[in-house]
Amino acid sequence: MKKLLLVLLVSASVTPGNAQLLDRLRNKVEQKVGDKIDQSIDKATQKKKPKDTPASPETSTQQDNPQESSTTSAPANDTPVSSPKPAAVQDINSYSRFDFIPGEKIIVHEDFSQESIGDFPTNWNTRSSAELVTINNREGKWLRMAQTGVFYPEYVSSNLPENFTLQMDLLANQQVAAIGQWMISFMQTKETNEKFKLGEALNTSEVANFKLCFQPASSDKGQMYYSTNLIGSQYKHGIPEFNVPGKPSVKISIWRQKQRVRVYLDSTKILDIPRALDADAALNSLVFSSSNPEYQDKDGAFFMGNIQLAVGAPNLRNKLMTEGKFSTNGILFDVNSDQIKPQSYGSLQDIAKLLKENAAIRLTIIGHTDADGNDDANLELSKRRAKAVAQALTTTFGIDSSRLETNGKGKSEPVDSNDTAAGKANNRRVEFVKL
């Protein structure tokens, strides 16, 4: 095409009659480029069409290329690839303002891996409809919410402590209506009917709650509403981290510490409310709701996945001084790799701060995996991950390498059951032992 345009340009300079033809060809090329850009945006939230079936949006149960998945992908099992890549730390700095640290113990790790595509997940409830799907170039399974409704996991029913964190991934496709919205609620509820009634209301004053609501297709760059029973409803216009069509996917991180609530979208802290809740507010329900008006576009849908709820506030200094060791699930890696995910920055920074404040401390860094996959391969992977953490602490945070030793134990020292997703997530950890 470039050669053809060059010839036509030369010809146009000699034969003025070709100028009109050149303009038509230039317009055609520009249109193709524009179409290609639109397709790249749409691809993030559209499923691949199965072979020998009519073309329709989001009908696939297979991925195009899992290796191209973004950093919002959920961890799979710990079996390493045959040709390990060297550890990299250069991308960590992209999250240099991300001070989020996940809770100490994972109680929910919902990746839907044990569920069947096309079904509604077991141990969840709704009075509407949703189904599990796969998405092009994204790892794992996702709950597709195309209908207006309330959806919640029944296994979150007891009071959460005053310190907890939630992380999850959210996507919206290009067909989401301008008034389409998705909301997450932490609430104190007594019965099922209350979850359904209060789960779709933006401002709920009768019970303790924190709510976060997105309208990604609204106005130019979407908008976000948030509310608690203490502060009422507030809103933010223009959300560059999550909007349609510009950026239709986001990692949400929520951190409650007593009265304080912080919210991060990808690496950006967008909310830090010091008095969002009563200090002793009991929250026992995690509820999601979706509103997709069918008269706007029946193909509009939200997708959520990789939900991780953790409780407890890590106190590294206390554990290191009293027990001589501590571990964290906040250092994350690419699937089957020792490549550290950039959202690990907060946890790494907390560890580096401890080391800088206690210059005499030396540590052994030990990698641990879950029980999935080959034992020898897991052992090797755990060793490489420990080395990657040491390299990150040295390269990114300036810790003297002579203060760090590394080792790996593979699956040999589990701290939780390997029979559940949450248990496996707790076993995939990095441990620090005082020398």
Protein backbone atom coordinates (compact mmCIF):
# COMPACT_ATOMS: atom_id res chain seq x y z
CA MET A 1 0.00 0.00 0.00
CA LYS A 2 2.87 2.39 0.86
CA LYS A 3 4.51 1.69 -2.54
CA LEU A 4 1.20 2.25 -4.34
CA LEU A 5 0.68 5.61 -2.63
CA LEU A 6 4.25 6.65 -3.51
CA VAL A 7 3.68 5.85 -7.20
CA LEU A 8 0.40 7.73 -7.18
CA LEU A 9 2.02 10.75 -5.53
CA VAL A 10 4.65 10.87 -8.23
CA SER A 11 2.02 10.41 -10.92
CA ALA A 12 -0.10 13.18 -9.41
CA SER A 13 2.79 15.59 -9.74
CA VAL A 14 3.01 14.82 -13.51
CA THR A 15 -0.67 14.24 -14.34
CA PRO A 16 -3.09 16.55 -12.51
CA GLY A 17 -6.03 14.36 -13.48
CA ASN A 18 -4.87 11.70 -11.00
CA ALA A 19 -5.32 13.98 -7.97
CA GLN A 20 -8.97 13.01 -7.55
CA LEU A 21 -8.10 9.29 -7.61
CA LEU A 22 -5.33 9.88 -5.06
CA ASP A 23 -7.76 11.63 -2.70
CA ARG A 24 -10.17 8.69 -2.87
CA LEU A 25 -7.39 6.20 -2.13
CA ARG A 26 -6.10 8.31 0.77
CA ASN A 27 -9.58 8.47 2.31
CA LYS A 28 -9.93 4.72 1.96
CA VAL A 29 -6.60 4.10 3.74
CA GLU A 30 -7.52 6.48 6.57
CA GLN A 31 -10.86 4.75 7.00
CA LYS A 32 -9.12 1.34 7.28
CA VAL A 33 -6.76 2.70 9.93
CA GLY A 34 -9.69 4.12 11.89
CA ASP A 35 -11.54 0.81 11.65
CA LYS A 36 -8.46 -1.05 12.92
CA ILE A 37 -8.26 1.22 16.00
CA ASP A 38 -11.95 0.68 16.75
CA GLN A 39 -11.50 -3.08 16.46
CA SER A 40 -8.58 -3.05 18.93
CA ILE A 41 -10.77 -1.27 21.51
CA ASP A 42 -13.70 -3.63 20.98
CA LYS A 43 -11.53 -6.73 21.21
CA ALA A 44 -10.91 -6.28 24.95
CA THR A 45 -14.52 -7.03 25.80
CA GLN A 46 -15.72 -9.27 22.96
CA LYS A 47 -15.50 -13.04 22.87
CA LYS A 48 -14.24 -14.95 19.87
CA LYS A 49 -16.92 -16.31 17.58
CA PRO A 50 -17.00 -20.10 17.38
CA LYS A 51 -16.34 -21.77 14.06
CA ASP A 52 -19.33 -22.72 11.92
CA THR A 53 -21.78 -20.55 13.89
CA PRO A 54 -23.52 -17.31 12.93
CA ALA A 55 -21.63 -14.14 13.84
CA SER A 56 -22.82 -12.68 17.12
CA PRO A 57 -21.14 -10.76 19.94
CA GLU A 58 -19.67 -12.58 22.94
CA THR A 59 -20.39 -16.22 22.15
CA SER A 60 -17.03 -17.86 22.66
CA THR A 61 -15.78 -20.18 25.35
CA GLN A 62 -12.16 -20.14 24.14
CA GLN A 63 -9.44 -17.52 24.23
CA ASP A 64 -7.53 -16.17 21.24
CA ASN A 65 -4.14 -15.99 22.91
CA PRO A 66 -3.87 -16.28 26.69
CA GLN A 67 -0.21 -15.25 26.59
CA GLU A 68 -1.32 -11.73 25.61
CA SER A 69 -3.52 -11.25 28.66
CA SER A 70 -3.18 -7.99 30.58
CA THR A 71 -2.08 -7.49 34.17
CA THR A 72 -5.67 -7.84 35.32
CA SER A 73 -5.54 -11.56 34.70
CA ALA A 74 -6.10 -13.99 37.56
CA PRO A 75 -3.27 -16.28 38.67
CA ALA A 76 -3.57 -19.84 37.40
CA ASN A 77 -1.80 -22.85 38.87
CA ASP A 78 1.88 -22.64 39.68
CA THR A 79 3.30 -24.97 37.01
CA PRO A 80 6.10 -23.01 35.32
CA VAL A 81 6.64 -22.80 31.58
CA SER A 82 9.47 -24.84 30.11
CA SER A 83 11.60 -21.82 29.19
CA PRO A 84 11.64 -19.43 32.16
CA LYS A 85 12.15 -15.75 31.50
CA PRO A 86 14.51 -13.65 33.60
CA ALA A 87 12.87 -11.63 36.35
CA ALA A 88 11.93 -8.08 35.42
CA VAL A 89 11.24 -5.15 37.71
CA GLN A 90 11.07 -2.21 35.33
CA ASP A 91 7.24 -2.11 35.23
CA ILE A 92 6.86 -1.89 39.02
CA ASN A 93 7.51 1.86 38.99
CA SER A 94 4.34 2.39 36.97
CA TYR A 95 2.55 1.77 40.29
CA SER A 96 4.84 3.99 42.35
CA ARG A 97 1.86 5.83 43.92
CA PHE A 98 0.03 2.58 44.68
CA ASP A 99 0.26 2.16 48.47
CA PHE A 100 -2.45 -0.50 48.66
CA ILE A 101 -1.55 -3.51 50.84
CA PRO A 102 -3.94 -6.51 50.78
CA GLY A 103 -5.26 -8.06 53.98
CA GLU A 104 -3.27 -10.67 55.82
CA LYS A 105 -5.52 -13.71 55.18
CA ILE A 106 -7.48 -14.39 51.99
CA ILE A 107 -11.03 -15.57 52.75
CA VAL A 108 -12.47 -15.33 49.23
CA HIS A 109 -10.60 -16.02 46.00
CA GLU A 110 -13.29 -16.26 43.33
CA ASP A 111 -11.92 -16.98 39.88
CA PHE A 112 -14.84 -19.24 38.87
CA SER A 113 -12.29 -21.88 37.82
CA GLN A 114 -14.44 -24.76 39.15
CA GLU A 115 -17.59 -23.55 37.39
CA SER A 116 -18.93 -24.41 33.92
CA ILE A 117 -19.05 -21.92 31.08
CA GLY A 118 -22.63 -20.82 30.40
CA ASP A 119 -23.80 -21.43 33.98
CA PHE A 120 -24.54 -19.10 36.87
CA PRO A 121 -21.90 -19.72 39.58
CA THR A 122 -22.59 -22.12 42.43
CA ASN A 123 -23.18 -20.56 45.87
CA TRP A 124 -24.17 -17.25 44.33
CA ASN A 125 -27.69 -15.83 44.24
CA THR A 126 -29.71 -13.60 41.90
CA ARG A 127 -33.27 -12.98 40.83
CA SER A 128 -32.10 -12.00 37.39
CA SER A 129 -29.71 -13.85 35.08
CA ALA A 130 -25.99 -13.94 34.35
CA GLU A 131 -23.56 -16.49 32.93
CA LEU A 132 -19.90 -17.40 33.01
CA VAL A 133 -17.92 -16.73 29.83
CA THR A 134 -14.37 -16.36 28.58
CA ILE A 135 -13.01 -13.23 26.92
CA ASN A 136 -10.43 -12.82 24.16
CA ASN A 137 -6.90 -12.25 25.48
CA ARG A 138 -7.99 -12.47 29.13
CA GLU A 139 -7.18 -15.27 31.53
CA GLY A 140 -9.88 -17.22 33.32
CA LYS A 141 -13.66 -17.07 33.49
CA TRP A 142 -15.84 -14.01 33.90
CA LEU A 143 -19.38 -13.42 35.13
CA ARG A 144 -21.24 -11.65 32.32
CA MET A 145 -24.05 -9.43 33.61
CA ALA A 146 -26.22 -8.32 30.70
CA GLN A 147 -29.51 -8.04 32.55
CA THR A 148 -30.46 -5.58 35.23
CA GLY A 149 -30.22 -7.34 38.57
CA VAL A 150 -28.54 -8.00 41.91
CA PHE A 151 -25.85 -10.69 42.28
CA TYR A 152 -24.01 -11.79 45.40
CA PRO A 153 -21.92 -14.66 46.82
CA GLU A 154 -23.84 -16.44 49.57
CA TYR A 155 -20.65 -17.53 51.33
CA VAL A 156 -19.95 -13.95 52.50
CA SER A 157 -22.41 -13.77 55.41
CA SER A 158 -20.51 -13.15 58.65
CA ASN A 159 -19.31 -9.79 59.92
CA LEU A 160 -16.11 -8.61 58.28
CA PRO A 161 -13.49 -7.16 60.64
CA GLU A 162 -12.62 -3.49 60.90
CA ASN A 163 -9.71 -4.09 58.51
CA PHE A 164 -10.31 -5.80 55.15
CA THR A 165 -9.46 -5.41 51.47
CA LEU A 166 -11.17 -6.31 48.22
CA GLN A 167 -9.57 -6.55 44.78
CA MET A 168 -11.33 -7.46 41.56
CA ASP A 169 -11.40 -6.85 37.81
CA LEU A 170 -14.27 -5.16 35.98
CA LEU A 171 -14.88 -4.81 32.24
CA ALA A 172 -17.61 -3.19 30.15
CA ASN A 173 -18.21 -3.84 26.48
CA GLN A 174 -18.72 -1.18 23.83
CA GLN A 175 -22.50 -1.66 23.85
CA VAL A 176 -23.07 -0.54 27.45
CA ALA A 177 -25.76 2.16 27.46
CA ALA A 178 -25.01 5.72 28.48
CA ILE A 179 -27.21 5.21 31.56
CA GLY A 180 -25.95 1.67 32.19
CA GLN A 181 -24.35 1.29 35.60
CA TRP A 182 -22.55 -1.28 37.77
CA MET A 183 -22.33 -1.08 41.55
CA ILE A 184 -20.56 -2.85 44.40
CA SER A 185 -21.92 -2.64 47.96
CA PHE A 186 -20.63 -3.63 51.37
CA MET A 187 -23.62 -3.62 53.73
CA GLN A 188 -25.03 -4.85 57.03
CA THR A 189 -28.10 -6.91 56.11
CA LYS A 190 -30.27 -9.38 58.01
CA GLU A 191 -31.99 -11.35 55.25
CA THR A 192 -32.01 -12.14 51.55
CA ASN A 193 -34.77 -9.68 50.70
CA GLU A 194 -32.74 -6.89 52.24
CA LYS A 195 -29.76 -7.73 50.04
CA PHE A 196 -31.92 -7.47 46.92
CA LYS A 197 -33.75 -4.34 48.03
CA LEU A 198 -30.74 -2.38 49.26
CA GLY A 199 -28.24 -3.82 46.77
CA GLU A 200 -29.62 -1.81 43.86
CA ALA A 201 -30.16 1.48 45.75
CA LEU A 202 -27.35 4.01 45.38
CA ASN A 203 -28.01 5.86 48.63
CA THR A 204 -28.92 3.61 51.57
CA SER A 205 -29.16 5.37 54.91
CA GLU A 206 -30.96 2.73 56.99
CA VAL A 207 -28.01 0.32 57.35
CA ALA A 208 -24.22 0.61 57.59
CA ASN A 209 -22.84 0.48 54.04
CA PHE A 210 -20.26 1.60 51.52
CA LYS A 211 -21.22 1.73 47.83
CA LEU A 212 -19.30 2.39 44.64
CA CYS A 213 -21.14 2.85 41.34
CA PHE A 214 -19.77 3.30 37.78
CA GLN A 215 -21.43 4.65 34.64
CA PRO A 216 -18.56 4.15 32.17
CA ALA A 217 -20.43 5.31 29.05
CA SER A 218 -21.88 8.44 30.63
CA SER A 219 -20.74 11.81 29.23
CA ASP A 220 -17.27 12.07 27.76
CA LYS A 221 -15.19 9.88 30.11
CA GLY A 222 -17.72 8.21 32.34
CA GLN A 223 -18.59 9.00 35.92
CA MET A 224 -18.59 7.41 39.35
CA TYR A 225 -20.90 7.68 42.34
CA TYR A 226 -20.04 6.65 45.89
CA SER A 227 -21.94 6.76 49.15
CA THR A 228 -22.05 5.59 52.75
CA ASN A 229 -24.78 5.82 55.36
CA LEU A 230 -22.78 8.65 56.99
CA ILE A 231 -21.78 10.88 54.07
CA GLY A 232 -24.63 10.30 51.61
CA SER A 233 -24.08 10.27 47.82
CA GLN A 234 -21.15 11.94 46.10
CA TYR A 235 -19.96 11.77 42.50
CA LYS A 236 -16.93 12.25 40.26
CA HIS A 237 -17.15 13.22 36.58
CA GLY A 238 -14.53 11.97 34.18
CA ILE A 239 -12.93 8.65 35.10
CA PRO A 240 -9.94 8.11 32.76
CA GLU A 241 -9.17 4.79 34.48
CA PHE A 242 -12.53 3.25 33.41
CA ASN A 243 -14.66 4.52 30.58
CA VAL A 244 -16.20 3.40 27.30
CA PRO A 245 -14.90 3.42 24.64
CA GLY A 246 -11.48 4.62 25.79
CA LYS A 247 -10.56 2.27 28.65
CA PRO A 248 -13.18 -0.44 29.22
CA SER A 249 -11.34 -2.47 31.87
CA VAL A 250 -10.06 -1.69 35.36
CA LYS A 251 -8.74 -3.31 38.53
CA ILE A 252 -10.64 -2.11 41.58
CA SER A 253 -8.96 -2.15 45.01
CA ILE A 254 -10.90 -1.20 48.15
CA TRP A 255 -9.27 -0.90 51.57
CA ARG A 256 -11.23 -0.40 54.77
CA GLN A 257 -9.41 0.48 57.98
CA LYS A 258 -11.99 1.14 60.69
CA GLN A 259 -13.63 4.43 59.61
CA ARG A 260 -11.31 5.05 56.69
CA VAL A 261 -12.04 3.81 53.17
CA ARG A 262 -9.60 4.05 50.27
CA VAL A 263 -10.40 3.15 46.66
CA TYR A 264 -7.90 2.60 43.85
CA LEU A 265 -8.56 2.18 40.13
CA ASP A 266 -5.53 0.42 38.65
CA SER A 267 -2.59 2.35 40.15
CA THR A 268 -4.51 5.54 40.97
CA LYS A 269 -5.97 6.30 44.39
CA ILE A 270 -9.26 8.04 43.61
CA LEU A 271 -10.86 8.09 47.07
CA ASP A 272 -9.47 8.41 50.59
CA ILE A 273 -12.32 9.13 52.98
CA PRO A 274 -11.15 9.35 56.62
CA ARG A 275 -14.66 9.21 58.19
CA ALA A 276 -16.63 7.13 55.71
CA LEU A 277 -17.99 4.66 58.28
CA ASP A 278 -18.57 4.30 61.98
CA ALA A 279 -15.47 2.74 63.48
CA ASP A 280 -17.47 -0.26 64.72
CA ALA A 281 -19.73 -0.58 61.66
CA ALA A 282 -20.44 -4.27 61.01
CA LEU A 283 -20.56 -5.18 57.30
CA ASN A 284 -21.60 -8.73 56.43
CA SER A 285 -22.75 -8.59 52.80
CA LEU A 286 -20.87 -8.20 49.51
CA VAL A 287 -23.41 -7.37 46.80
CA PHE A 288 -23.04 -6.46 43.11
CA SER A 289 -25.71 -4.94 40.90
CA SER A 290 -25.94 -4.19 37.22
CA SER A 291 -28.30 -1.96 35.27
CA ASN A 292 -28.36 -2.47 31.49
CA PRO A 293 -31.52 -0.94 29.97
CA GLU A 294 -32.54 -3.27 27.14
CA TYR A 295 -34.24 -0.51 25.19
CA GLN A 296 -30.84 1.15 24.82
CA ASP A 297 -28.79 -1.82 23.60
CA LYS A 298 -29.60 -5.42 24.42
CA ASP A 299 -25.96 -6.47 23.90
CA GLY A 300 -24.54 -4.19 26.60
CA ALA A 301 -22.86 -6.10 29.44
CA PHE A 302 -20.50 -5.83 32.39
CA PHE A 303 -17.98 -8.57 33.23
CA MET A 304 -16.37 -9.17 36.62
CA GLY A 305 -13.76 -11.66 37.78
CA ASN A 306 -10.70 -12.36 39.93
CA ILE A 307 -12.45 -11.37 43.15
CA GLN A 308 -10.23 -11.53 46.23
CA LEU A 309 -11.38 -10.58 49.73
CA ALA A 310 -8.79 -10.57 52.53
CA VAL A 311 -9.05 -9.68 56.19
CA GLY A 312 -6.67 -8.39 58.83
CA ALA A 313 -4.09 -5.61 58.83
CA PRO A 314 -0.53 -6.85 58.21
CA ASN A 315 1.93 -5.72 60.87
CA LEU A 316 5.29 -6.71 59.46
CA ARG A 317 7.42 -5.08 62.13
CA ASN A 318 5.58 -6.75 65.01
CA LYS A 319 5.66 -10.18 63.41
CA LEU A 320 9.31 -9.94 62.49
CA MET A 321 10.31 -8.89 66.00
CA THR A 322 8.09 -11.36 67.89
CA GLU A 323 8.01 -14.36 65.54
CA GLY A 324 11.15 -13.76 63.50
CA LYS A 325 9.25 -14.03 60.21
CA PHE A 326 6.25 -12.86 58.21
CA SER A 327 4.67 -13.70 54.86
CA THR A 328 2.62 -11.81 52.29
CA ASN A 329 0.18 -12.61 49.51
CA GLY A 330 0.54 -9.08 48.20
CA ILE A 331 3.49 -9.83 45.91
CA LEU A 332 1.92 -11.11 42.71
CA PHE A 333 3.45 -12.76 39.66
CA ASP A 334 2.48 -13.36 36.07
CA VAL A 335 1.05 -16.81 35.43
CA ASN A 336 3.71 -19.55 35.63
CA SER A 337 6.43 -16.90 35.80
CA ASP A 338 8.75 -14.97 38.10
CA GLN A 339 7.69 -11.65 36.51
CA ILE A 340 6.41 -9.47 39.35
CA LYS A 341 3.13 -7.69 38.68
CA PRO A 342 3.30 -3.90 39.14
CA GLN A 343 0.39 -3.90 41.62
CA SER A 344 2.81 -5.55 44.06
CA TYR A 345 4.41 -2.13 44.60
CA GLY A 346 2.58 -1.33 47.84
CA SER A 347 3.63 -4.56 49.55
CA LEU A 348 7.23 -4.31 48.33
CA GLN A 349 7.44 -0.69 49.45
CA ASP A 350 6.19 -1.64 52.92
CA ILE A 351 8.88 -4.32 53.23
CA ALA A 352 11.57 -1.96 51.94
CA LYS A 353 10.51 0.66 54.49
CA LEU A 354 10.88 -1.90 57.29
CA LEU A 355 14.39 -2.79 56.11
CA LYS A 356 15.46 0.85 55.81
CA GLU A 357 14.22 1.64 59.31
CA ASN A 358 16.07 -1.39 60.72
CA ALA A 359 19.45 -1.34 59.01
CA ALA A 360 20.84 -4.31 60.96
CA ILE A 361 18.15 -6.74 59.81
CA ARG A 362 19.01 -9.39 57.22
CA LEU A 363 16.34 -11.60 55.65
CA THR A 364 15.93 -14.85 53.80
CA ILE A 365 13.25 -14.54 51.13
CA ILE A 366 11.40 -17.82 50.53
CA GLY A 367 8.97 -18.49 47.69
CA HIS A 368 5.99 -20.86 48.15
CA THR A 369 3.49 -22.28 45.65
CA ASP A 370 0.23 -24.18 45.81
CA ALA A 371 0.06 -27.92 45.09
CA ASP A 372 -1.02 -27.72 41.44
CA GLY A 373 1.42 -29.01 38.86
CA ASN A 374 4.74 -30.84 38.95
CA ASP A 375 6.58 -30.83 42.29
CA ASP A 376 10.06 -30.22 40.85
CA ALA A 377 8.77 -27.49 38.55
CA ASN A 378 7.00 -25.75 41.42
CA LEU A 379 10.15 -25.91 43.53
CA GLU A 380 12.18 -24.28 40.77
CA LEU A 381 9.51 -21.63 40.22
CA SER A 382 9.41 -20.76 43.93
CA LYS A 383 13.18 -20.23 43.94
CA ARG A 384 13.06 -17.97 40.89
CA ARG A 385 10.25 -15.92 42.41
CA ALA A 386 12.23 -15.41 45.62
CA LYS A 387 15.18 -14.16 43.56
CA ALA A 388 12.88 -11.82 41.65
CA VAL A 389 11.66 -10.28 44.91
CA ALA A 390 15.24 -9.77 46.11
CA GLN A 391 16.11 -8.14 42.80
CA ALA A 392 13.11 -5.80 43.05
CA LEU A 393 14.04 -4.75 46.59
CA THR A 394 17.60 -4.09 45.48
CA THR A 395 16.97 -2.46 42.11
CA THR A 396 13.76 -0.51 42.77
CA PHE A 397 14.03 0.29 46.48
CA GLY A 398 17.79 0.48 47.04
CA ILE A 399 18.15 -2.34 49.60
CA ASP A 400 21.71 -3.68 49.83
CA SER A 401 21.77 -7.14 48.25
CA SER A 402 24.11 -8.40 51.00
CA ARG A 403 21.16 -8.19 53.42
CA LEU A 404 19.08 -10.64 51.37
CA GLU A 405 19.28 -14.36 50.79
CA THR A 406 16.77 -16.40 48.79
CA ASN A 407 15.28 -19.89 48.77
CA GLY A 408 12.18 -21.72 47.56
CA LYS A 409 10.05 -24.43 49.11
CA GLY A 410 7.56 -25.14 46.32
CA LYS A 411 4.40 -26.73 47.74
CA SER A 412 6.12 -28.40 50.70
CA GLU A 413 4.99 -25.99 53.45
CA PRO A 414 1.31 -25.08 52.93
CA VAL A 415 -0.42 -22.78 55.41
CA ASP A 416 -3.92 -23.58 54.14
CA SER A 417 -5.85 -26.25 52.26
CA ASN A 418 -5.03 -26.85 48.61
CA ASP A 419 -8.62 -27.99 48.02
CA THR A 420 -10.12 -24.49 47.72
CA ALA A 421 -9.31 -21.45 45.60
CA ALA A 422 -8.85 -19.29 48.72
CA GLY A 423 -6.60 -21.90 50.32
CA LYS A 424 -4.41 -22.11 47.21
CA ALA A 425 -4.17 -18.32 47.11
CA ASN A 426 -2.96 -18.28 50.73
CA ASN A 427 -0.35 -20.92 49.91
CA ARG A 428 1.00 -18.87 46.99
CA ARG A 429 3.01 -16.50 49.12
CA VAL A 430 6.41 -14.97 49.75
CA GLU A 431 7.89 -15.49 53.21
CA PHE A 432 10.55 -13.37 54.94
CA VAL A 433 12.63 -14.93 57.73
CA LYS A 434 14.99 -12.97 59.94
CA LEU A 435 18.59 -14.20 59.82
